């Protein structure tokens, strides 16, 4: 994951890029076999143990999804935790430090 979280006052602007193939289960490979579905189903962002953003995805989301959102109540130096899970049981969780302007 690549993340940029910038605080301006108590509002944090977040830009997030998740590297994931987001396979729908409908595409065929060169041999004509269907590529199994594998896409992110949930993304959650939390600050100080409370969810500040949650999204549920389906197979229609493009490869390497990009998300942008804002939330209030944080400041520069705080930690933002991002996690996601996919249809194949894959998951990732990372902590990021919020920067200031």
PDB file of N, CA and C in Angstrom:
ATOM      1  N   UNK A   1       0.841  -1.179   0.000  1.00  0.00           N
ATOM      2  CA  UNK A   1       0.000   0.000   0.000  1.00  0.00           C
ATOM      3  C   UNK A   1       0.880   1.234   0.000  1.00  0.00           C
ATOM      4  N   UNK A   2       0.387   2.231  -0.680  1.00  0.00           N
ATOM      5  CA  UNK A   2       1.022   3.542  -0.647  1.00  0.00           C
ATOM      6  C   UNK A   2      -0.011   4.509  -0.100  1.00  0.00           C
ATOM      7  N   UNK A   3       0.392   5.325   0.867  1.00  0.00           N
ATOM      8  CA  UNK A   3      -0.552   6.217   1.510  1.00  0.00           C
ATOM      9  C   UNK A   3       0.084   7.574   1.770  1.00  0.00           C
ATOM     10  N   UNK A   4      -0.728   8.594   1.593  1.00  0.00           N
ATOM     11  CA  UNK A   4      -0.344   9.953   1.970  1.00  0.00           C
ATOM     12  C   UNK A   4      -1.488  10.491   2.814  1.00  0.00           C
ATOM     13  N   UNK A   5      -1.204  10.789   4.068  1.00  0.00           N
ATOM     14  CA  UNK A   5      -2.203  11.335   4.983  1.00  0.00           C
ATOM     15  C   UNK A   5      -1.660  12.655   5.525  1.00  0.00           C
ATOM     16  N   UNK A   6      -2.354  13.743   5.204  1.00  0.00           N
ATOM     17  CA  UNK A   6      -1.891  15.077   5.585  1.00  0.00           C
ATOM     18  C   UNK A   6      -2.952  15.764   6.426  1.00  0.00           C
ATOM     19  N   UNK A   7      -2.531  16.237   7.608  1.00  0.00           N
ATOM     20  CA  UNK A   7      -3.437  16.949   8.505  1.00  0.00           C
ATOM     21  C   UNK A   7      -3.341  18.446   8.266  1.00  0.00           C
ATOM     22  N   UNK A   8      -4.491  19.066   8.189  1.00  0.00           N
ATOM     23  CA  UNK A   8      -4.570  20.517   8.128  1.00  0.00           C
ATOM     24  C   UNK A   8      -5.583  20.901   9.201  1.00  0.00           C
ATOM     25  N   UNK A   9      -5.079  21.395  10.323  1.00  0.00           N
ATOM     26  CA  UNK A   9      -5.936  21.587  11.483  1.00  0.00           C
ATOM     27  C   UNK A   9      -6.284  20.209  12.025  1.00  0.00           C
ATOM     28  N   UNK A  10      -7.567  19.944  12.217  1.00  0.00           N
ATOM     29  CA  UNK A  10      -7.988  18.620  12.689  1.00  0.00           C
ATOM     30  C   UNK A  10      -8.593  17.767  11.586  1.00  0.00           C
ATOM     31  N   UNK A  11      -8.488  18.205  10.342  1.00  0.00           N
ATOM     32  CA  UNK A  11      -9.000  17.426   9.214  1.00  0.00           C
ATOM     33  C   UNK A  11      -7.823  16.784   8.491  1.00  0.00           C
ATOM     34  N   UNK A  12      -7.942  15.482   8.263  1.00  0.00           N
ATOM     35  CA  UNK A  12      -6.891  14.729   7.586  1.00  0.00           C
ATOM     36  C   UNK A  12      -7.389  14.316   6.210  1.00  0.00           C
ATOM     37  N   UNK A  13      -6.604  14.610   5.178  1.00  0.00           N
ATOM     38  CA  UNK A  13      -6.889  14.176   3.811  1.00  0.00           C
ATOM     39  C   UNK A  13      -6.022  12.964   3.519  1.00  0.00           C
ATOM     40  N   UNK A  14      -6.663  11.886   3.081  1.00  0.00           N
ATOM     41  CA  UNK A  14      -5.963  10.628   2.846  1.00  0.00           C
ATOM     42  C   UNK A  14      -6.061  10.253   1.378  1.00  0.00           C
ATOM     43  N   UNK A  15      -4.936   9.858   0.808  1.00  0.00           N
ATOM     44  CA  UNK A  15      -4.870   9.311  -0.544  1.00  0.00           C
ATOM     45  C   UNK A  15      -4.207   7.948  -0.420  1.00  0.00           C
ATOM     46  N   UNK A  16      -4.880   6.911  -0.907  1.00  0.00           N
ATOM     47  CA  UNK A  16      -4.431   5.536  -0.701  1.00  0.00           C
ATOM     48  C   UNK A  16      -4.438   4.774  -2.022  1.00  0.00           C
ATOM     49  N   UNK A  17      -3.343   4.087  -2.311  1.00  0.00           N
ATOM     50  CA  UNK A  17      -3.229   3.217  -3.478  1.00  0.00           C
ATOM     51  C   UNK A  17      -2.924   1.809  -2.973  1.00  0.00           C
ATOM     52  N   UNK A  18      -3.783   0.865  -3.338  1.00  0.00           N
ATOM     53  CA  UNK A  18      -3.588  -0.531  -2.942  1.00  0.00           C
ATOM     54  C   UNK A  18      -3.209  -1.325  -4.182  1.00  0.00           C
ATOM     55  N   UNK A  19      -2.066  -1.978  -4.145  1.00  0.00           N
ATOM     56  CA  UNK A  19      -1.636  -2.778  -5.290  1.00  0.00           C
ATOM     57  C   UNK A  19      -2.262  -4.170  -5.177  1.00  0.00           C
ATOM     58  N   UNK A  20      -3.176  -4.454  -6.105  1.00  0.00           N
ATOM     59  CA  UNK A  20      -3.903  -5.727  -6.087  1.00  0.00           C
ATOM     60  C   UNK A  20      -4.424  -6.001  -7.497  1.00  0.00           C
ATOM     61  N   UNK A  21      -4.408  -7.270  -7.965  1.00  0.00           N
ATOM     62  CA  UNK A  21      -4.838  -7.562  -9.335  1.00  0.00           C
ATOM     63  C   UNK A  21      -6.337  -7.388  -9.585  1.00  0.00           C
ATOM     64  N   UNK A  22      -7.170  -7.519  -8.562  1.00  0.00           N
ATOM     65  CA  UNK A  22      -8.619  -7.335  -8.681  1.00  0.00           C
ATOM     66  C   UNK A  22      -9.211  -8.140  -9.842  1.00  0.00           C
ATOM     67  N   UNK A  23      -8.983  -9.440  -9.836  1.00  0.00           N
ATOM     68  CA  UNK A  23      -9.514 -10.328 -10.877  1.00  0.00           C
ATOM     69  C   UNK A  23     -11.006 -10.588 -10.647  1.00  0.00           C
ATOM     70  N   UNK A  24     -11.796 -10.457 -11.683  1.00  0.00           N
ATOM     71  CA  UNK A  24     -13.252 -10.600 -11.573  1.00  0.00           C
ATOM     72  C   UNK A  24     -13.731 -12.043 -11.603  1.00  0.00           C
ATOM     73  N   UNK A  25     -12.919 -12.945 -12.143  1.00  0.00           N
ATOM     74  CA  UNK A  25     -13.349 -14.328 -12.320  1.00  0.00           C
ATOM     75  C   UNK A  25     -13.983 -14.554 -13.682  1.00  0.00           C
ATOM     76  N   UNK A  26     -13.937 -13.546 -14.529  1.00  0.00           N
ATOM     77  CA  UNK A  26     -14.548 -13.649 -15.866  1.00  0.00           C
ATOM     78  C   UNK A  26     -13.519 -13.599 -16.999  1.00  0.00           C
ATOM     79  N   UNK A  27     -12.286 -13.213 -16.665  1.00  0.00           N
ATOM     80  CA  UNK A  27     -11.252 -13.089 -17.691  1.00  0.00           C
ATOM     81  C   UNK A  27     -10.625 -14.454 -17.964  1.00  0.00           C
ATOM     82  N   UNK A  28     -10.209 -14.662 -19.222  1.00  0.00           N
ATOM     83  CA  UNK A  28      -9.532 -15.902 -19.596  1.00  0.00           C
ATOM     84  C   UNK A  28      -8.054 -15.622 -19.846  1.00  0.00           C
ATOM     85  N   UNK A  29      -7.218 -16.608 -19.508  1.00  0.00           N
ATOM     86  CA  UNK A  29      -5.790 -16.480 -19.777  1.00  0.00           C
ATOM     87  C   UNK A  29      -5.496 -16.868 -21.227  1.00  0.00           C
ATOM     88  N   UNK A  30      -4.227 -16.879 -21.611  1.00  0.00           N
ATOM     89  CA  UNK A  30      -3.827 -17.170 -22.993  1.00  0.00           C
ATOM     90  C   UNK A  30      -4.261 -18.568 -23.439  1.00  0.00           C
ATOM     91  N   UNK A  31      -4.382 -19.505 -22.502  1.00  0.00           N
ATOM     92  CA  UNK A  31      -4.779 -20.876 -22.835  1.00  0.00           C
ATOM     93  C   UNK A  31      -6.295 -21.048 -22.864  1.00  0.00           C
ATOM     94  N   UNK A  32      -7.027 -19.995 -22.569  1.00  0.00           N
ATOM     95  CA  UNK A  32      -8.483 -20.059 -22.589  1.00  0.00           C
ATOM     96  C   UNK A  32      -9.119 -20.476 -21.265  1.00  0.00           C
ATOM     97  N   UNK A  33      -8.295 -20.615 -20.230  1.00  0.00           N
ATOM     98  CA  UNK A  33      -8.816 -20.977 -18.910  1.00  0.00           C
ATOM     99  C   UNK A  33      -9.267 -19.722 -18.164  1.00  0.00           C
ATOM    100  N   UNK A  34     -10.341 -19.855 -17.415  1.00  0.00           N
ATOM    101  CA  UNK A  34     -10.827 -18.710 -16.643  1.00  0.00           C
ATOM    102  C   UNK A  34      -9.883 -18.448 -15.473  1.00  0.00           C
ATOM    103  N   UNK A  35      -9.488 -17.184 -15.328  1.00  0.00           N
ATOM    104  CA  UNK A  35      -8.649 -16.771 -14.204  1.00  0.00           C
ATOM    105  C   UNK A  35      -9.567 -16.650 -12.989  1.00  0.00           C
ATOM    106  N   UNK A  36      -9.263 -17.346 -11.894  1.00  0.00           N
ATOM    107  CA  UNK A  36     -10.144 -17.322 -10.722  1.00  0.00           C
ATOM    108  C   UNK A  36     -10.324 -15.915 -10.150  1.00  0.00           C
ATOM    109  N   UNK A  37     -11.493 -15.686  -9.591  1.00  0.00           N
ATOM    110  CA  UNK A  37     -11.783 -14.394  -8.965  1.00  0.00           C
ATOM    111  C   UNK A  37     -10.852 -14.166  -7.777  1.00  0.00           C
ATOM    112  N   UNK A  38     -10.365 -12.957  -7.645  1.00  0.00           N
ATOM    113  CA  UNK A  38      -9.530 -12.545  -6.526  1.00  0.00           C
ATOM    114  C   UNK A  38      -9.589 -11.031  -6.466  1.00  0.00           C
ATOM    115  N   UNK A  39     -10.465 -10.512  -5.617  1.00  0.00           N
ATOM    116  CA  UNK A  39     -10.593  -9.067  -5.503  1.00  0.00           C
ATOM    117  C   UNK A  39     -10.790  -8.680  -4.038  1.00  0.00           C
ATOM    118  N   UNK A  40     -10.438  -7.453  -3.730  1.00  0.00           N
ATOM    119  CA  UNK A  40     -10.592  -6.928  -2.372  1.00  0.00           C
ATOM    120  C   UNK A  40     -12.080  -6.783  -2.079  1.00  0.00           C
ATOM    121  N   UNK A  41     -12.483  -7.221  -0.887  1.00  0.00           N
ATOM    122  CA  UNK A  41     -13.884  -7.110  -0.491  1.00  0.00           C
ATOM    123  C   UNK A  41     -14.116  -5.997   0.531  1.00  0.00           C
ATOM    124  N   UNK A  42     -13.114  -5.713   1.363  1.00  0.00           N
ATOM    125  CA  UNK A  42     -13.272  -4.676   2.386  1.00  0.00           C
ATOM    126  C   UNK A  42     -11.978  -3.913   2.609  1.00  0.00           C
ATOM    127  N   UNK A  43     -12.115  -2.614   2.817  1.00  0.00           N
ATOM    128  CA  UNK A  43     -11.002  -1.745   3.208  1.00  0.00           C
ATOM    129  C   UNK A  43     -11.469  -0.949   4.418  1.00  0.00           C
ATOM    130  N   UNK A  44     -10.631  -0.906   5.449  1.00  0.00           N
ATOM    131  CA  UNK A  44     -10.973  -0.171   6.661  1.00  0.00           C
ATOM    132  C   UNK A  44      -9.792   0.686   7.097  1.00  0.00           C
ATOM    133  N   UNK A  45     -10.092   1.909   7.511  1.00  0.00           N
ATOM    134  CA  UNK A  45      -9.086   2.808   8.082  1.00  0.00           C
ATOM    135  C   UNK A  45      -9.514   3.127   9.502  1.00  0.00           C
ATOM    136  N   UNK A  46      -8.563   3.055  10.433  1.00  0.00           N
ATOM    137  CA  UNK A  46      -8.894   3.373  11.816  1.00  0.00           C
ATOM    138  C   UNK A  46      -7.852   4.299  12.431  1.00  0.00           C
ATOM    139  N   UNK A  47      -8.330   5.135  13.340  1.00  0.00           N
ATOM    140  CA  UNK A  47      -7.494   6.091  14.053  1.00  0.00           C
ATOM    141  C   UNK A  47      -7.829   5.975  15.532  1.00  0.00           C
ATOM    142  N   UNK A  48      -6.827   5.698  16.345  1.00  0.00           N
ATOM    143  CA  UNK A  48      -7.008   5.522  17.791  1.00  0.00           C
ATOM    144  C   UNK A  48      -8.073   4.469  18.104  1.00  0.00           C
ATOM    145  N   UNK A  49      -8.082   3.384  17.326  1.00  0.00           N
ATOM    146  CA  UNK A  49      -8.984   2.270  17.579  1.00  0.00           C
ATOM    147  C   UNK A  49     -10.402   2.427  17.056  1.00  0.00           C
ATOM    148  N   UNK A  50     -10.716   3.566  16.446  1.00  0.00           N
ATOM    149  CA  UNK A  50     -12.060   3.784  15.906  1.00  0.00           C
ATOM    150  C   UNK A  50     -12.002   3.867  14.382  1.00  0.00           C
ATOM    151  N   UNK A  51     -12.951   3.190  13.720  1.00  0.00           N
ATOM    152  CA  UNK A  51     -13.011   3.241  12.260  1.00  0.00           C
ATOM    153  C   UNK A  51     -13.391   4.638  11.804  1.00  0.00           C
ATOM    154  N   UNK A  52     -12.598   5.175  10.861  1.00  0.00           N
ATOM    155  CA  UNK A  52     -12.892   6.489  10.282  1.00  0.00           C
ATOM    156  C   UNK A  52     -13.295   6.367   8.814  1.00  0.00           C
ATOM    157  N   UNK A  53     -13.106   5.155   8.238  1.00  0.00           N
ATOM    158  CA  UNK A  53     -13.477   4.909   6.845  1.00  0.00           C
ATOM    159  C   UNK A  53     -13.657   3.410   6.668  1.00  0.00           C
ATOM    160  N   UNK A  54     -14.693   3.027   5.924  1.00  0.00           N
ATOM    161  CA  UNK A  54     -14.912   1.621   5.608  1.00  0.00           C
ATOM    162  C   UNK A  54     -15.549   1.550   4.223  1.00  0.00           C
ATOM    163  N   UNK A  55     -15.031   0.660   3.377  1.00  0.00           N
ATOM    164  CA  UNK A  55     -15.594   0.467   2.038  1.00  0.00           C
ATOM    165  C   UNK A  55     -15.706  -1.026   1.761  1.00  0.00           C
ATOM    166  N   UNK A  56     -16.765  -1.393   1.039  1.00  0.00           N
ATOM    167  CA  UNK A  56     -16.947  -2.762   0.587  1.00  0.00           C
ATOM    168  C   UNK A  56     -16.890  -2.759  -0.928  1.00  0.00           C
ATOM    169  N   UNK A  57     -16.007  -3.590  -1.482  1.00  0.00           N
ATOM    170  CA  UNK A  57     -15.797  -3.649  -2.921  1.00  0.00           C
ATOM    171  C   UNK A  57     -16.435  -4.901  -3.500  1.00  0.00           C
ATOM    172  N   UNK A  58     -16.653  -4.859  -4.802  1.00  0.00           N
ATOM    173  CA  UNK A  58     -17.106  -6.011  -5.572  1.00  0.00           C
ATOM    174  C   UNK A  58     -16.142  -6.232  -6.716  1.00  0.00           C
ATOM    175  N   UNK A  59     -16.469  -7.141  -7.630  1.00  0.00           N
ATOM    176  CA  UNK A  59     -15.559  -7.461  -8.726  1.00  0.00           C
ATOM    177  C   UNK A  59     -15.420  -6.360  -9.773  1.00  0.00           C
ATOM    178  N   UNK A  60     -16.252  -5.331  -9.713  1.00  0.00           N
ATOM    179  CA  UNK A  60     -16.206  -4.269 -10.717  1.00  0.00           C
ATOM    180  C   UNK A  60     -15.170  -3.184 -10.460  1.00  0.00           C
ATOM    181  N   UNK A  61     -14.388  -3.300  -9.400  1.00  0.00           N
ATOM    182  CA  UNK A  61     -13.364  -2.288  -9.082  1.00  0.00           C
ATOM    183  C   UNK A  61     -12.089  -2.626  -9.847  1.00  0.00           C
ATOM    184  N   UNK A  62     -11.468  -1.614 -10.423  1.00  0.00           N
ATOM    185  CA  UNK A  62     -10.297  -1.836 -11.275  1.00  0.00           C
ATOM    186  C   UNK A  62      -9.056  -2.250 -10.481  1.00  0.00           C
ATOM    187  N   UNK A  63      -8.090  -2.759 -11.211  1.00  0.00           N
ATOM    188  CA  UNK A  63      -6.800  -3.164 -10.647  1.00  0.00           C
ATOM    189  C   UNK A  63      -6.158  -1.973  -9.920  1.00  0.00           C
ATOM    190  N   UNK A  64      -5.435  -2.260  -8.848  1.00  0.00           N
ATOM    191  CA  UNK A  64      -4.735  -1.262  -8.039  1.00  0.00           C
ATOM    192  C   UNK A  64      -5.657  -0.105  -7.660  1.00  0.00           C
ATOM    193  N   UNK A  65      -6.679  -0.383  -6.850  1.00  0.00           N
ATOM    194  CA  UNK A  65      -7.655   0.666  -6.509  1.00  0.00           C
ATOM    195  C   UNK A  65      -7.028   1.856  -5.780  1.00  0.00           C
ATOM    196  N   UNK A  66      -7.537   3.037  -6.119  1.00  0.00           N
ATOM    197  CA  UNK A  66      -7.121   4.295  -5.514  1.00  0.00           C
ATOM    198  C   UNK A  66      -8.312   4.852  -4.741  1.00  0.00           C
ATOM    199  N   UNK A  67      -8.084   5.226  -3.498  1.00  0.00           N
ATOM    200  CA  UNK A  67      -9.128   5.796  -2.652  1.00  0.00           C
ATOM    201  C   UNK A  67      -8.673   7.138  -2.113  1.00  0.00           C
ATOM    202  N   UNK A  68      -9.623   8.028  -1.935  1.00  0.00           N
ATOM    203  CA  UNK A  68      -9.349   9.329  -1.341  1.00  0.00           C
ATOM    204  C   UNK A  68     -10.505   9.637  -0.393  1.00  0.00           C
ATOM    205  N   UNK A  69     -10.166  10.033   0.832  1.00  0.00           N
ATOM    206  CA  UNK A  69     -11.198  10.387   1.801  1.00  0.00           C
ATOM    207  C   UNK A  69     -10.626  11.343   2.838  1.00  0.00           C
ATOM    208  N   UNK A  70     -11.509  11.947   3.609  1.00  0.00           N
ATOM    209  CA  UNK A  70     -11.113  12.859   4.682  1.00  0.00           C
ATOM    210  C   UNK A  70     -11.819  12.435   5.964  1.00  0.00           C
ATOM    211  N   UNK A  71     -11.190  12.754   7.082  1.00  0.00           N
ATOM    212  CA  UNK A  71     -11.832  12.550   8.374  1.00  0.00           C
ATOM    213  C   UNK A  71     -11.307  13.591   9.355  1.00  0.00           C
ATOM    214  N   UNK A  72     -12.049  13.797  10.418  1.00  0.00           N
ATOM    215  CA  UNK A  72     -11.693  14.817  11.408  1.00  0.00           C
ATOM    216  C   UNK A  72     -11.266  14.156  12.714  1.00  0.00           C
ATOM    217  N   UNK A  73     -10.563  14.938  13.535  1.00  0.00           N
ATOM    218  CA  UNK A  73     -10.214  14.481  14.869  1.00  0.00           C
ATOM    219  C   UNK A  73      -8.813  13.925  15.008  1.00  0.00           C
ATOM    220  N   UNK A  74      -7.932  14.192  14.072  1.00  0.00           N
ATOM    221  CA  UNK A  74      -6.558  13.708  14.144  1.00  0.00           C
ATOM    222  C   UNK A  74      -5.607  14.876  13.925  1.00  0.00           C
ATOM    223  N   UNK A  75      -4.344  14.632  14.237  1.00  0.00           N
ATOM    224  CA  UNK A  75      -3.339  15.665  14.035  1.00  0.00           C
ATOM    225  C   UNK A  75      -2.051  15.031  13.513  1.00  0.00           C
ATOM    226  N   UNK A  76      -1.141  15.869  13.054  1.00  0.00           N
ATOM    227  CA  UNK A  76       0.149  15.385  12.559  1.00  0.00           C
ATOM    228  C   UNK A  76       0.849  14.607  13.669  1.00  0.00           C
ATOM    229  N   UNK A  77       1.444  13.482  13.290  1.00  0.00           N
ATOM    230  CA  UNK A  77       2.135  12.620  14.235  1.00  0.00           C
ATOM    231  C   UNK A  77       1.298  11.454  14.708  1.00  0.00           C
ATOM    232  N   UNK A  78      -0.032  11.529  14.545  1.00  0.00           N
ATOM    233  CA  UNK A  78      -0.914  10.413  14.907  1.00  0.00           C
ATOM    234  C   UNK A  78      -0.724   9.263  13.916  1.00  0.00           C
ATOM    235  N   UNK A  79      -1.201   8.091  14.293  1.00  0.00           N
ATOM    236  CA  UNK A  79      -1.103   6.904  13.447  1.00  0.00           C
ATOM    237  C   UNK A  79      -2.459   6.566  12.838  1.00  0.00           C
ATOM    238  N   UNK A  80      -2.438   6.238  11.557  1.00  0.00           N
ATOM    239  CA  UNK A  80      -3.619   5.791  10.826  1.00  0.00           C
ATOM    240  C   UNK A  80      -3.357   4.349  10.397  1.00  0.00           C
ATOM    241  N   UNK A  81      -4.249   3.432  10.757  1.00  0.00           N
ATOM    242  CA  UNK A  81      -4.113   2.021  10.396  1.00  0.00           C
ATOM    243  C   UNK A  81      -5.054   1.700   9.238  1.00  0.00           C
ATOM    244  N   UNK A  82      -4.507   1.059   8.213  1.00  0.00           N
ATOM    245  CA  UNK A  82      -5.288   0.663   7.041  1.00  0.00           C
ATOM    246  C   UNK A  82      -5.216  -0.849   6.913  1.00  0.00           C
ATOM    247  N   UNK A  83      -6.368  -1.475   6.664  1.00  0.00           N
ATOM    248  CA  UNK A  83      -6.386  -2.921   6.449  1.00  0.00           C
ATOM    249  C   UNK A  83      -7.343  -3.256   5.316  1.00  0.00           C
ATOM    250  N   UNK A  84      -7.055  -4.362   4.637  1.00  0.00           N
ATOM    251  CA  UNK A  84      -7.954  -4.858   3.595  1.00  0.00           C
ATOM    252  C   UNK A  84      -7.942  -6.383   3.614  1.00  0.00           C
ATOM    253  N   UNK A  85      -9.015  -6.974   3.074  1.00  0.00           N
ATOM    254  CA  UNK A  85      -9.105  -8.424   2.891  1.00  0.00           C
ATOM    255  C   UNK A  85      -9.647  -8.696   1.495  1.00  0.00           C
ATOM    256  N   UNK A  86      -9.268  -9.849   0.929  1.00  0.00           N
ATOM    257  CA  UNK A  86      -9.766 -10.190  -0.398  1.00  0.00           C
ATOM    258  C   UNK A  86     -10.480 -11.538  -0.392  1.00  0.00           C
ATOM    259  N   UNK A  87     -10.994 -11.930  -1.548  1.00  0.00           N
ATOM    260  CA  UNK A  87     -11.801 -13.145  -1.673  1.00  0.00           C
ATOM    261  C   UNK A  87     -11.002 -14.426  -1.487  1.00  0.00           C
ATOM    262  N   UNK A  88      -9.695 -14.374  -1.620  1.00  0.00           N
ATOM    263  CA  UNK A  88      -8.861 -15.569  -1.472  1.00  0.00           C
ATOM    264  C   UNK A  88      -8.256 -15.685  -0.078  1.00  0.00           C
ATOM    265  N   UNK A  89      -8.715 -14.869   0.863  1.00  0.00           N
ATOM    266  CA  UNK A  89      -8.181 -14.910   2.218  1.00  0.00           C
ATOM    267  C   UNK A  89      -6.939 -14.069   2.401  1.00  0.00           C
ATOM    268  N   UNK A  90      -6.530 -13.370   1.358  1.00  0.00           N
ATOM    269  CA  UNK A  90      -5.386 -12.473   1.479  1.00  0.00           C
ATOM    270  C   UNK A  90      -5.774 -11.249   2.296  1.00  0.00           C
ATOM    271  N   UNK A  91      -4.819 -10.708   3.012  1.00  0.00           N
ATOM    272  CA  UNK A  91      -5.085  -9.527   3.829  1.00  0.00           C
ATOM    273  C   UNK A  91      -3.787  -8.767   4.045  1.00  0.00           C
ATOM    274  N   UNK A  92      -3.930  -7.498   4.351  1.00  0.00           N
ATOM    275  CA  UNK A  92      -2.776  -6.677   4.679  1.00  0.00           C
ATOM    276  C   UNK A  92      -3.228  -5.617   5.669  1.00  0.00           C
ATOM    277  N   UNK A  93      -2.361  -5.318   6.608  1.00  0.00           N
ATOM    278  CA  UNK A  93      -2.621  -4.240   7.558  1.00  0.00           C
ATOM    279  C   UNK A  93      -1.322  -3.481   7.756  1.00  0.00           C
ATOM    280  N   UNK A  94      -1.399  -2.152   7.661  1.00  0.00           N
ATOM    281  CA  UNK A  94      -0.223  -1.316   7.829  1.00  0.00           C
ATOM    282  C   UNK A  94      -0.590  -0.074   8.625  1.00  0.00           C
ATOM    283  N   UNK A  95       0.382   0.419   9.358  1.00  0.00           N
ATOM    284  CA  UNK A  95       0.234   1.666  10.108  1.00  0.00           C
ATOM    285  C   UNK A  95       1.044   2.757   9.431  1.00  0.00           C
ATOM    286  N   UNK A  96       0.439   3.953   9.351  1.00  0.00           N
ATOM    287  CA  UNK A  96       1.079   5.086   8.696  1.00  0.00           C
ATOM    288  C   UNK A  96       1.028   6.292   9.633  1.00  0.00           C
ATOM    289  N   UNK A  97       2.042   7.125   9.569  1.00  0.00           N
ATOM    290  CA  UNK A  97       2.072   8.342  10.364  1.00  0.00           C
ATOM    291  C   UNK A  97       1.472   9.482   9.567  1.00  0.00           C
ATOM    292  N   UNK A  98       0.568  10.205  10.193  1.00  0.00           N
ATOM    293  CA  UNK A  98      -0.052  11.373   9.563  1.00  0.00           C
ATOM    294  C   UNK A  98       0.929  12.534   9.610  1.00  0.00           C
ATOM    295  N   UNK A  99       1.119  13.188   8.461  1.00  0.00           N
ATOM    296  CA  UNK A  99       2.019  14.336   8.408  1.00  0.00           C
ATOM    297  C   UNK A  99       1.211  15.638   8.469  1.00  0.00           C
ATOM    298  N   UNK A 100       1.899  16.736   8.657  1.00  0.00           N
ATOM    299  CA  UNK A 100       1.228  18.040   8.686  1.00  0.00           C
ATOM    300  C   UNK A 100       1.673  18.902   7.529  1.00  0.00           C
ATOM    301  N   UNK A 101       0.957  19.983   7.333  1.00  0.00           N
ATOM    302  CA  UNK A 101       1.308  20.909   6.247  1.00  0.00           C
ATOM    303  C   UNK A 101       2.385  21.843   6.725  1.00  0.00           C
TER     304      UNK A 101
END
